[in-house]
Amino acid sequence: MDIEKVFKMVLDCSFKVHSELGPGLLESAYEECMYYELQQFGLEVKKQKALPLVYQEVKLDAGYRVDLLVENRVIVEIKSVDSLADIHMAQILTYLKLSGCKLGLLVNFNVKHLKDGIKRVIL
């Protein structure tokens, strides 16, 4: 499936979940709902996917976990914070580098209008 089509489906699911739940819940609640909605589209979704850190040809378990990995191509990092910070962008960029994925979506559900909480990230 085309990566842009996958990305559009992820966006659609994000807006649907935010419309249903609104702001103010824990990240884990949004993650579960996103996981459910993405599966309803028939997409392959992995949640809390472990990412090893490779250092000098040694795989290290550094505790990195991607919230959602969609179709093994798009990383979705879910937040429920007052506002996105530089550290959140650094986090998704690290996940993109470690996974080999080129496209990510950083979604902060703790906003009145979801369009204000979405960042598309391309590596």
Protein backbone atom coordinates (compact mmCIF):
# COMPACT_ATOMS: atom_id res chain seq x y z
CA MET A 1 0.00 0.00 0.00
CA ASP A 2 1.20 3.52 -0.82
CA ILE A 3 2.76 5.22 2.21
CA GLU A 4 0.72 8.40 1.65
CA LYS A 5 -2.49 6.38 1.67
CA VAL A 6 -1.43 4.76 4.94
CA PHE A 7 -0.59 8.18 6.38
CA LYS A 8 -4.01 9.54 5.35
CA MET A 9 -5.73 6.62 7.08
CA VAL A 10 -3.70 7.28 10.24
CA LEU A 11 -4.75 10.95 10.12
CA ASP A 12 -8.40 9.99 9.63
CA CYS A 13 -8.24 7.67 12.63
CA SER A 14 -6.59 10.37 14.73
CA PHE A 15 -9.36 12.84 13.99
CA LYS A 16 -12.04 10.22 14.64
CA VAL A 17 -10.56 9.26 18.02
CA HIS A 18 -10.16 12.91 19.05
CA SER A 19 -13.73 13.69 17.99
CA GLU A 20 -15.05 10.79 20.06
CA LEU A 21 -12.92 11.26 23.17
CA GLY A 22 -11.79 14.89 23.20
CA PRO A 23 -8.76 16.06 25.18
CA GLY A 24 -7.82 15.19 28.75
CA LEU A 25 -7.29 11.42 28.78
CA LEU A 26 -4.11 9.42 29.29
CA GLU A 27 -1.90 8.57 26.31
CA SER A 28 -2.66 4.89 26.84
CA ALA A 29 -6.38 5.48 26.21
CA TYR A 30 -5.71 7.23 22.90
CA GLU A 31 -3.20 4.55 21.94
CA GLU A 32 -5.72 1.74 22.47
CA CYS A 33 -8.41 3.58 20.51
CA MET A 34 -6.00 4.36 17.66
CA TYR A 35 -4.90 0.73 17.59
CA TYR A 36 -8.53 -0.36 17.33
CA GLU A 37 -9.45 2.16 14.62
CA LEU A 38 -6.40 1.40 12.48
CA GLN A 39 -7.18 -2.30 12.64
CA GLN A 40 -10.73 -1.53 11.51
CA PHE A 41 -9.18 -0.12 8.31
CA GLY A 42 -7.47 -3.49 7.85
CA LEU A 43 -4.01 -2.09 8.53
CA GLU A 44 -1.22 -4.06 10.16
CA VAL A 45 -0.50 -2.30 13.45
CA LYS A 46 2.02 -3.08 16.16
CA LYS A 47 1.80 -1.28 19.49
CA GLN A 48 4.65 -0.67 21.90
CA LYS A 49 7.06 -2.08 19.33
CA ALA A 50 10.54 -2.43 20.83
CA LEU A 51 13.39 -0.79 18.92
CA PRO A 52 16.91 -1.97 19.65
CA LEU A 53 19.80 0.45 19.59
CA VAL A 54 22.68 -0.84 17.47
CA TYR A 55 26.03 0.36 18.75
CA GLN A 56 29.24 -0.89 17.12
CA GLU A 57 27.34 -3.85 15.61
CA VAL A 58 25.86 -4.84 18.99
CA LYS A 59 22.10 -4.72 19.54
CA LEU A 60 21.33 -3.10 22.87
CA ASP A 61 17.96 -3.09 24.56
CA ALA A 62 17.78 0.60 25.45
CA GLY A 63 14.06 0.54 26.22
CA TYR A 64 12.92 2.41 23.11
CA ARG A 65 9.30 1.63 22.24
CA VAL A 66 7.25 3.02 19.38
CA ASP A 67 3.63 3.69 20.36
CA LEU A 68 2.24 2.46 17.03
CA LEU A 69 3.97 1.11 13.94
CA VAL A 70 1.56 1.02 10.99
CA GLU A 71 2.23 -1.25 8.01
CA ASN A 72 5.90 -1.34 9.09
CA ARG A 73 6.22 2.09 7.42
CA VAL A 74 4.64 4.84 9.53
CA ILE A 75 5.48 5.56 13.17
CA VAL A 76 2.77 7.15 15.31
CA GLU A 77 3.90 8.73 18.56
CA ILE A 78 1.00 9.66 20.83
CA LYS A 79 1.11 12.39 23.43
CA SER A 80 -1.36 13.95 25.85
CA VAL A 81 0.52 17.02 27.06
CA ASP A 82 -0.11 20.76 27.41
CA SER A 83 2.00 21.41 24.31
CA LEU A 84 4.50 19.57 22.17
CA ALA A 85 8.12 20.29 23.04
CA ASP A 86 11.40 19.90 21.18
CA ILE A 87 12.07 16.68 23.11
CA HIS A 88 8.95 15.10 21.56
CA MET A 89 10.25 15.91 18.08
CA ALA A 90 13.68 14.52 19.01
CA GLN A 91 12.00 11.35 20.26
CA ILE A 92 10.15 10.63 17.01
CA LEU A 93 13.23 11.48 14.94
CA THR A 94 15.21 8.95 17.00
CA TYR A 95 12.52 6.33 16.43
CA LEU A 96 12.54 6.99 12.69
CA LYS A 97 16.33 6.60 12.56
CA LEU A 98 16.38 3.41 14.64
CA SER A 99 13.51 1.80 12.74
CA GLY A 100 14.53 2.75 9.21
CA CYS A 101 11.09 4.29 8.64
CA LYS A 102 10.91 7.57 6.74
CA LEU A 103 7.53 8.94 7.87
CA GLY A 104 6.12 9.60 11.31
CA LEU A 105 3.20 11.33 12.95
CA LEU A 106 3.45 13.05 16.30
CA VAL A 107 -0.06 13.49 17.73
CA ASN A 108 -0.90 15.46 20.86
CA PHE A 109 -4.50 14.60 21.77
CA ASN A 110 -4.61 17.09 24.66
CA VAL A 111 -5.71 20.02 22.47
CA LYS A 112 -9.08 21.57 21.70
CA HIS A 113 -8.59 21.26 17.93
CA LEU A 114 -6.52 18.26 16.83
CA LYS A 115 -5.05 20.12 13.84
CA ASP A 116 -3.09 22.12 16.43
CA GLY A 117 -1.59 18.94 17.92
CA ILE A 118 -0.36 17.18 14.79
CA LYS A 119 3.18 17.17 13.38
CA ARG A 120 4.14 15.24 10.27
CA VAL A 121 7.78 14.17 10.49
CA ILE A 122 9.83 13.08 7.48
CA LEU A 123 13.34 11.69 7.73
